[in-house]
Amino acid sequence: MIASPKCVMLLSCFAVAFGGGTDNMAQARPPQILEISRDYLKPDAVAANRKLERRAEDLCRTLGFTHPYLTIESVSGPAEMWYLNGFDSEAEVETLRLEFQQNTKLLAALDDITRQKVRLKRSASTDEFVNYRSDLSRGDPWIIGQGQFFVIVSFDGDPPMNGTVFEMKGGSRVLVRMTHTSSEARDLAASAGSTARVFRSYFYFRPRGM
């Protein structure tokens, strides 16, 4: 875990559940900075992980986590759950990190969930920040909270298809393309190459008052 809250790495919420629409609640543009936290799950651990995520969401809501985030889960390939947190600036990242560190009750509660999740993973979780590349992005922008299915492609060089592009520190890139149906996502992924994965929205967390 790095500058932003553990909530984003662990959790989920059912403010919007499977297939629930989130378009009206999303922020208006792609984030300038995107945190991508990943849990790599054992094949038989998905249900148990979801249960812990429900508990974590409740903790975030009742103990004052203040930032919206999106949780998605893999449809194709190995079982994974990703937690996506968007920021407009490094200053916003730092502000949220400090707020989270001061919330000692939430920290302690989520540490307990972290320990329970260890047995569910096939490898250690990862966490990284990527930067929005508007010059490489094409087509409808991906907005956090919008869409039910997603094609996510890791690539170097030019984008393999239209979508919203983010760049990692080492120069590798990731493209996000939202779709409304699973079949559309699968067709796009098949055309985008071997690194394309299909995900679906699990929930979009919005703190109280937002």
C-alpha atoms as a PDB file:
ATOM      1  CA  MET A   1       0.000   0.000   0.000  1.00  0.00           C
ATOM      2  CA  ILE A   2       1.158   3.507  -0.808  1.00  0.00           C
ATOM      3  CA  ALA A   3      -0.112   7.006  -0.428  1.00  0.00           C
ATOM      4  CA  SER A   4      -3.813   6.355  -0.630  1.00  0.00           C
ATOM      5  CA  PRO A   5      -6.154   4.544   1.704  1.00  0.00           C
ATOM      6  CA  LYS A   6      -6.279   0.858   2.415  1.00  0.00           C
ATOM      7  CA  CYS A   7     -10.003   1.012   1.713  1.00  0.00           C
ATOM      8  CA  VAL A   8      -9.220   1.360  -1.935  1.00  0.00           C
ATOM      9  CA  MET A   9      -6.994  -1.689  -1.875  1.00  0.00           C
ATOM     10  CA  LEU A  10      -9.318  -3.971  -0.003  1.00  0.00           C
ATOM     11  CA  LEU A  11     -12.810  -3.175  -0.292  1.00  0.00           C
ATOM     12  CA  SER A  12     -16.017  -3.103  -1.792  1.00  0.00           C
ATOM     13  CA  CYS A  13     -19.368  -1.632  -1.302  1.00  0.00           C
ATOM     14  CA  PHE A  14     -22.828  -2.251  -2.506  1.00  0.00           C
ATOM     15  CA  ALA A  15     -23.829   1.343  -3.042  1.00  0.00           C
ATOM     16  CA  VAL A  16     -24.121  -0.033  -6.563  1.00  0.00           C
ATOM     17  CA  ALA A  17     -24.266  -3.810  -6.889  1.00  0.00           C
ATOM     18  CA  PHE A  18     -23.827  -6.063  -9.890  1.00  0.00           C
ATOM     19  CA  GLY A  19     -25.409  -4.576 -12.972  1.00  0.00           C
ATOM     20  CA  GLY A  20     -26.593  -1.521 -11.100  1.00  0.00           C
ATOM     21  CA  GLY A  21     -26.352   1.716 -13.040  1.00  0.00           C
ATOM     22  CA  THR A  22     -23.828   4.265 -11.811  1.00  0.00           C
ATOM     23  CA  ASP A  23     -23.766   6.773 -14.654  1.00  0.00           C
ATOM     24  CA  ASN A  24     -25.591   9.486 -12.747  1.00  0.00           C
ATOM     25  CA  MET A  25     -23.200   9.329  -9.801  1.00  0.00           C
ATOM     26  CA  ALA A  26     -19.846   9.372 -11.568  1.00  0.00           C
ATOM     27  CA  GLN A  27     -17.364  12.183 -11.737  1.00  0.00           C
ATOM     28  CA  ALA A  28     -17.391  14.171 -14.974  1.00  0.00           C
ATOM     29  CA  ARG A  29     -14.043  13.265 -16.574  1.00  0.00           C
ATOM     30  CA  PRO A  30     -11.282  10.666 -16.455  1.00  0.00           C
ATOM     31  CA  PRO A  31      -9.028  11.039 -13.420  1.00  0.00           C
ATOM     32  CA  GLN A  32      -5.637  12.637 -13.987  1.00  0.00           C
ATOM     33  CA  ILE A  33      -4.140  10.058 -11.603  1.00  0.00           C
ATOM     34  CA  LEU A  34      -5.547   6.569 -11.184  1.00  0.00           C
ATOM     35  CA  GLU A  35      -4.619   4.213  -8.394  1.00  0.00           C
ATOM     36  CA  ILE A  36      -4.946   0.560  -9.387  1.00  0.00           C
ATOM     37  CA  SER A  37      -4.866  -1.931  -6.525  1.00  0.00           C
ATOM     38  CA  ARG A  38      -5.201  -5.625  -7.341  1.00  0.00           C
ATOM     39  CA  ASP A  39      -6.063  -8.729  -5.346  1.00  0.00           C
ATOM     40  CA  TYR A  40      -4.973 -11.967  -7.073  1.00  0.00           C
ATOM     41  CA  LEU A  41      -7.380 -14.593  -5.806  1.00  0.00           C
ATOM     42  CA  LYS A  42      -7.351 -18.353  -5.646  1.00  0.00           C
ATOM     43  CA  PRO A  43     -10.045 -19.847  -7.916  1.00  0.00           C
ATOM     44  CA  ASP A  44     -12.152 -21.060  -4.994  1.00  0.00           C
ATOM     45  CA  ALA A  45     -11.777 -17.866  -2.930  1.00  0.00           C
ATOM     46  CA  VAL A  46     -14.029 -15.456  -4.828  1.00  0.00           C
ATOM     47  CA  ALA A  47     -17.117 -15.879  -2.625  1.00  0.00           C
ATOM     48  CA  ALA A  48     -15.129 -15.525   0.597  1.00  0.00           C
ATOM     49  CA  ASN A  49     -13.400 -12.419  -0.745  1.00  0.00           C
ATOM     50  CA  ARG A  50     -16.727 -10.833  -1.643  1.00  0.00           C
ATOM     51  CA  LYS A  51     -17.963 -11.430   1.906  1.00  0.00           C
ATOM     52  CA  LEU A  52     -14.930  -9.655   3.349  1.00  0.00           C
ATOM     53  CA  GLU A  53     -15.390  -6.815   0.890  1.00  0.00           C
ATOM     54  CA  ARG A  54     -18.955  -6.309   2.087  1.00  0.00           C
ATOM     55  CA  ARG A  55     -17.686  -6.045   5.632  1.00  0.00           C
ATOM     56  CA  ALA A  56     -14.949  -3.629   4.580  1.00  0.00           C
ATOM     57  CA  GLU A  57     -17.424  -1.414   2.741  1.00  0.00           C
ATOM     58  CA  ASP A  58     -19.556  -1.181   5.842  1.00  0.00           C
ATOM     59  CA  LEU A  59     -16.516  -0.162   7.868  1.00  0.00           C
ATOM     60  CA  CYS A  60     -15.567   2.505   5.355  1.00  0.00           C
ATOM     61  CA  ARG A  61     -19.074   3.916   5.396  1.00  0.00           C
ATOM     62  CA  THR A  62     -19.588   3.880   9.158  1.00  0.00           C
ATOM     63  CA  LEU A  63     -16.055   4.957  10.117  1.00  0.00           C
ATOM     64  CA  GLY A  64     -15.801   7.887   7.766  1.00  0.00           C
ATOM     65  CA  PHE A  65     -13.901   6.964   4.606  1.00  0.00           C
ATOM     66  CA  THR A  66     -14.328  10.076   2.456  1.00  0.00           C
ATOM     67  CA  HIS A  67     -13.361   9.167  -1.116  1.00  0.00           C
ATOM     68  CA  PRO A  68     -15.376   7.363  -3.826  1.00  0.00           C
ATOM     69  CA  TYR A  69     -13.841   4.322  -5.515  1.00  0.00           C
ATOM     70  CA  LEU A  70     -14.776   1.611  -7.980  1.00  0.00           C
ATOM     71  CA  THR A  71     -14.367  -2.134  -7.506  1.00  0.00           C
ATOM     72  CA  ILE A  72     -14.310  -4.442 -10.535  1.00  0.00           C
ATOM     73  CA  GLU A  73     -13.831  -8.191 -10.851  1.00  0.00           C
ATOM     74  CA  SER A  74     -12.437 -10.316 -13.649  1.00  0.00           C
ATOM     75  CA  VAL A  75     -14.730 -12.095 -16.089  1.00  0.00           C
ATOM     76  CA  SER A  76     -11.956 -13.573 -18.222  1.00  0.00           C
ATOM     77  CA  GLY A  77      -8.620 -14.995 -17.117  1.00  0.00           C
ATOM     78  CA  PRO A  78      -7.539 -15.644 -13.507  1.00  0.00           C
ATOM     79  CA  ALA A  79      -9.735 -14.531 -10.602  1.00  0.00           C
ATOM     80  CA  GLU A  80      -8.892 -10.955  -9.623  1.00  0.00           C
ATOM     81  CA  MET A  81     -10.551  -8.005  -7.920  1.00  0.00           C
ATOM     82  CA  TRP A  82      -9.333  -4.489  -8.708  1.00  0.00           C
ATOM     83  CA  TYR A  83      -9.919  -1.294  -6.725  1.00  0.00           C
ATOM     84  CA  LEU A  84      -9.753   1.945  -8.707  1.00  0.00           C
ATOM     85  CA  ASN A  85      -9.395   5.326  -7.063  1.00  0.00           C
ATOM     86  CA  GLY A  86      -9.213   8.522  -9.115  1.00  0.00           C
ATOM     87  CA  PHE A  87      -7.509  11.810  -8.254  1.00  0.00           C
ATOM     88  CA  ASP A  88      -7.163  15.184  -9.943  1.00  0.00           C
ATOM     89  CA  SER A  89      -3.721  15.945  -8.484  1.00  0.00           C
ATOM     90  CA  GLU A  90      -0.869  14.718  -6.302  1.00  0.00           C
ATOM     91  CA  ALA A  91      -2.092  17.142  -3.647  1.00  0.00           C
ATOM     92  CA  GLU A  92      -5.412  15.297  -3.498  1.00  0.00           C
ATOM     93  CA  VAL A  93      -3.576  11.982  -3.100  1.00  0.00           C
ATOM     94  CA  GLU A  94      -1.560  13.363  -0.200  1.00  0.00           C
ATOM     95  CA  THR A  95      -4.585  14.917   1.503  1.00  0.00           C
ATOM     96  CA  LEU A  96      -6.458  11.639   1.431  1.00  0.00           C
ATOM     97  CA  ARG A  97      -3.425   9.697   2.641  1.00  0.00           C
ATOM     98  CA  LEU A  98      -3.081  11.963   5.679  1.00  0.00           C
ATOM     99  CA  GLU A  99      -6.793  11.787   6.466  1.00  0.00           C
ATOM    100  CA  PHE A 100      -6.678   8.016   6.311  1.00  0.00           C
ATOM    101  CA  GLN A 101      -3.633   7.739   8.574  1.00  0.00           C
ATOM    102  CA  GLN A 102      -5.434   9.802  11.204  1.00  0.00           C
ATOM    103  CA  ASN A 103      -8.495   7.527  11.150  1.00  0.00           C
ATOM    104  CA  THR A 104      -7.055   4.989  13.571  1.00  0.00           C
ATOM    105  CA  LYS A 105     -10.324   3.101  14.114  1.00  0.00           C
ATOM    106  CA  LEU A 106     -10.710   2.422  10.408  1.00  0.00           C
ATOM    107  CA  LEU A 107      -7.045   1.498  10.064  1.00  0.00           C
ATOM    108  CA  ALA A 108      -7.281  -1.100  12.820  1.00  0.00           C
ATOM    109  CA  ALA A 109     -10.499  -2.599  11.480  1.00  0.00           C
ATOM    110  CA  LEU A 110      -9.152  -2.904   7.941  1.00  0.00           C
ATOM    111  CA  ASP A 111      -5.893  -4.416   9.140  1.00  0.00           C
ATOM    112  CA  ASP A 112      -7.947  -7.286  10.544  1.00  0.00           C
ATOM    113  CA  ILE A 113      -9.623  -7.797   7.159  1.00  0.00           C
ATOM    114  CA  THR A 114      -6.229  -7.681   5.465  1.00  0.00           C
ATOM    115  CA  ARG A 115      -5.053 -10.575   7.634  1.00  0.00           C
ATOM    116  CA  GLN A 116      -8.150 -12.599   6.765  1.00  0.00           C
ATOM    117  CA  LYS A 117      -7.611 -12.032   3.057  1.00  0.00           C
ATOM    118  CA  VAL A 118      -4.092 -13.496   3.011  1.00  0.00           C
ATOM    119  CA  ARG A 119      -5.318 -17.085   2.748  1.00  0.00           C
ATOM    120  CA  LEU A 120      -7.550 -16.173  -0.219  1.00  0.00           C
ATOM    121  CA  LYS A 121      -4.745 -14.934  -2.464  1.00  0.00           C
ATOM    122  CA  ARG A 122      -2.588 -16.885  -4.872  1.00  0.00           C
ATOM    123  CA  SER A 123       0.011 -14.075  -4.764  1.00  0.00           C
ATOM    124  CA  ALA A 124       0.565 -10.772  -2.986  1.00  0.00           C
ATOM    125  CA  SER A 125      -1.601  -7.780  -3.842  1.00  0.00           C
ATOM    126  CA  THR A 126      -0.117  -4.962  -5.920  1.00  0.00           C
ATOM    127  CA  ASP A 127      -0.748  -1.231  -5.932  1.00  0.00           C
ATOM    128  CA  GLU A 128       0.384   1.444  -8.378  1.00  0.00           C
ATOM    129  CA  PHE A 129      -0.432   4.906  -9.646  1.00  0.00           C
ATOM    130  CA  VAL A 130      -0.828   5.614 -13.364  1.00  0.00           C
ATOM    131  CA  ASN A 131      -1.218   8.932 -15.177  1.00  0.00           C
ATOM    132  CA  TYR A 132      -3.911   9.858 -17.688  1.00  0.00           C
ATOM    133  CA  ARG A 133      -2.700  10.263 -21.284  1.00  0.00           C
ATOM    134  CA  SER A 134      -5.281  12.419 -23.017  1.00  0.00           C
ATOM    135  CA  ASP A 135      -3.125  12.557 -26.161  1.00  0.00           C
ATOM    136  CA  LEU A 136      -3.366   8.769 -26.592  1.00  0.00           C
ATOM    137  CA  SER A 137      -7.012   8.393 -25.565  1.00  0.00           C
ATOM    138  CA  ARG A 138      -9.676   8.066 -28.260  1.00  0.00           C
ATOM    139  CA  GLY A 139     -13.436   7.669 -28.354  1.00  0.00           C
ATOM    140  CA  ASP A 140     -15.806   8.023 -25.410  1.00  0.00           C
ATOM    141  CA  PRO A 141     -13.859   8.738 -22.213  1.00  0.00           C
ATOM    142  CA  TRP A 142     -13.987   6.248 -19.357  1.00  0.00           C
ATOM    143  CA  ILE A 143     -15.450   7.885 -16.267  1.00  0.00           C
ATOM    144  CA  ILE A 144     -15.130   6.167 -12.893  1.00  0.00           C
ATOM    145  CA  GLY A 145     -18.566   4.889 -11.944  1.00  0.00           C
ATOM    146  CA  GLN A 146     -19.855   4.501 -15.495  1.00  0.00           C
ATOM    147  CA  GLY A 147     -20.312   1.243 -17.368  1.00  0.00           C
ATOM    148  CA  GLN A 148     -21.061  -2.335 -16.406  1.00  0.00           C
ATOM    149  CA  PHE A 149     -18.321  -4.166 -18.311  1.00  0.00           C
ATOM    150  CA  PHE A 150     -14.761  -3.171 -19.158  1.00  0.00           C
ATOM    151  CA  VAL A 151     -12.002  -4.250 -21.484  1.00  0.00           C
ATOM    152  CA  ILE A 152      -8.608  -3.525 -19.948  1.00  0.00           C
ATOM    153  CA  VAL A 153      -5.527  -3.906 -22.126  1.00  0.00           C
ATOM    154  CA  SER A 154      -1.862  -3.698 -21.095  1.00  0.00           C
ATOM    155  CA  PHE A 155       0.366  -2.521 -23.944  1.00  0.00           C
ATOM    156  CA  ASP A 156       3.447  -0.625 -25.062  1.00  0.00           C
ATOM    157  CA  GLY A 157       3.511   1.850 -27.919  1.00  0.00           C
ATOM    158  CA  ASP A 158       0.302   2.785 -29.714  1.00  0.00           C
ATOM    159  CA  PRO A 159      -3.133   1.883 -28.283  1.00  0.00           C
ATOM    160  CA  PRO A 160      -4.607  -1.288 -29.833  1.00  0.00           C
ATOM    161  CA  MET A 161      -8.097   0.251 -29.976  1.00  0.00           C
ATOM    162  CA  ASN A 162     -10.086   3.293 -28.872  1.00  0.00           C
ATOM    163  CA  GLY A 163     -10.243   3.816 -25.136  1.00  0.00           C
ATOM    164  CA  THR A 164      -8.932   5.833 -22.189  1.00  0.00           C
ATOM    165  CA  VAL A 165      -5.187   5.423 -21.733  1.00  0.00           C
ATOM    166  CA  PHE A 166      -3.057   5.663 -18.594  1.00  0.00           C
ATOM    167  CA  GLU A 167       0.725   5.364 -18.364  1.00  0.00           C
ATOM    168  CA  MET A 168       2.763   3.679 -15.647  1.00  0.00           C
ATOM    169  CA  LYS A 169       6.062   4.985 -14.288  1.00  0.00           C
ATOM    170  CA  GLY A 170       8.094   2.608 -16.429  1.00  0.00           C
ATOM    171  CA  GLY A 171       6.349   3.688 -19.616  1.00  0.00           C
ATOM    172  CA  SER A 172       4.001   0.727 -20.015  1.00  0.00           C
ATOM    173  CA  ARG A 173       0.401   1.647 -20.635  1.00  0.00           C
ATOM    174  CA  VAL A 174      -3.072   0.438 -19.795  1.00  0.00           C
ATOM    175  CA  LEU A 175      -6.238   1.124 -21.767  1.00  0.00           C
ATOM    176  CA  VAL A 176      -9.746   1.055 -20.319  1.00  0.00           C
ATOM    177  CA  ARG A 177     -12.811   0.714 -22.565  1.00  0.00           C
ATOM    178  CA  MET A 178     -16.279   0.446 -21.070  1.00  0.00           C
ATOM    179  CA  THR A 179     -19.128  -1.514 -22.627  1.00  0.00           C
ATOM    180  CA  HIS A 180     -22.726  -2.224 -21.704  1.00  0.00           C
ATOM    181  CA  THR A 181     -22.756  -5.966 -22.354  1.00  0.00           C
ATOM    182  CA  SER A 182     -20.496  -8.906 -21.640  1.00  0.00           C
ATOM    183  CA  SER A 183     -20.608 -10.093 -25.257  1.00  0.00           C
ATOM    184  CA  GLU A 184     -19.473  -6.704 -26.549  1.00  0.00           C
ATOM    185  CA  ALA A 185     -16.596  -6.692 -24.067  1.00  0.00           C
ATOM    186  CA  ARG A 186     -15.520 -10.209 -25.051  1.00  0.00           C
ATOM    187  CA  ASP A 187     -15.562  -9.349 -28.762  1.00  0.00           C
ATOM    188  CA  LEU A 188     -13.448  -6.244 -28.173  1.00  0.00           C
ATOM    189  CA  ALA A 189     -11.005  -8.137 -25.995  1.00  0.00           C
ATOM    190  CA  ALA A 190     -10.594 -10.837 -28.647  1.00  0.00           C
ATOM    191  CA  SER A 191      -9.669  -8.181 -31.202  1.00  0.00           C
ATOM    192  CA  ALA A 192      -7.247  -6.349 -28.893  1.00  0.00           C
ATOM    193  CA  GLY A 193      -4.712  -9.141 -28.362  1.00  0.00           C
ATOM    194  CA  SER A 194      -3.566 -11.542 -25.672  1.00  0.00           C
ATOM    195  CA  THR A 195      -3.150  -8.931 -22.914  1.00  0.00           C
ATOM    196  CA  ALA A 196      -6.802  -7.836 -23.035  1.00  0.00           C
ATOM    197  CA  ARG A 197      -8.998  -8.802 -20.067  1.00  0.00           C
ATOM    198  CA  VAL A 198     -12.720  -8.455 -19.432  1.00  0.00           C
ATOM    199  CA  PHE A 199     -13.986  -7.120 -16.086  1.00  0.00           C
ATOM    200  CA  ARG A 200     -17.371  -6.220 -14.675  1.00  0.00           C
ATOM    201  CA  SER A 201     -18.402  -3.604 -12.164  1.00  0.00           C
ATOM    202  CA  TYR A 202     -18.845  -4.975  -8.674  1.00  0.00           C
ATOM    203  CA  PHE A 203     -19.788  -1.700  -6.990  1.00  0.00           C
ATOM    204  CA  TYR A 204     -19.148   1.996  -6.936  1.00  0.00           C
ATOM    205  CA  PHE A 205     -18.623   3.376  -3.423  1.00  0.00           C
ATOM    206  CA  ARG A 206     -19.774   6.892  -2.648  1.00  0.00           C
ATOM    207  CA  PRO A 207     -19.389   8.312   0.861  1.00  0.00           C
ATOM    208  CA  ARG A 208     -22.387   9.740   2.618  1.00  0.00           C
ATOM    209  CA  GLY A 209     -23.327  13.192   1.436  1.00  0.00           C
ATOM    210  CA  MET A 210     -21.941  12.771  -2.095  1.00  0.00           C
END
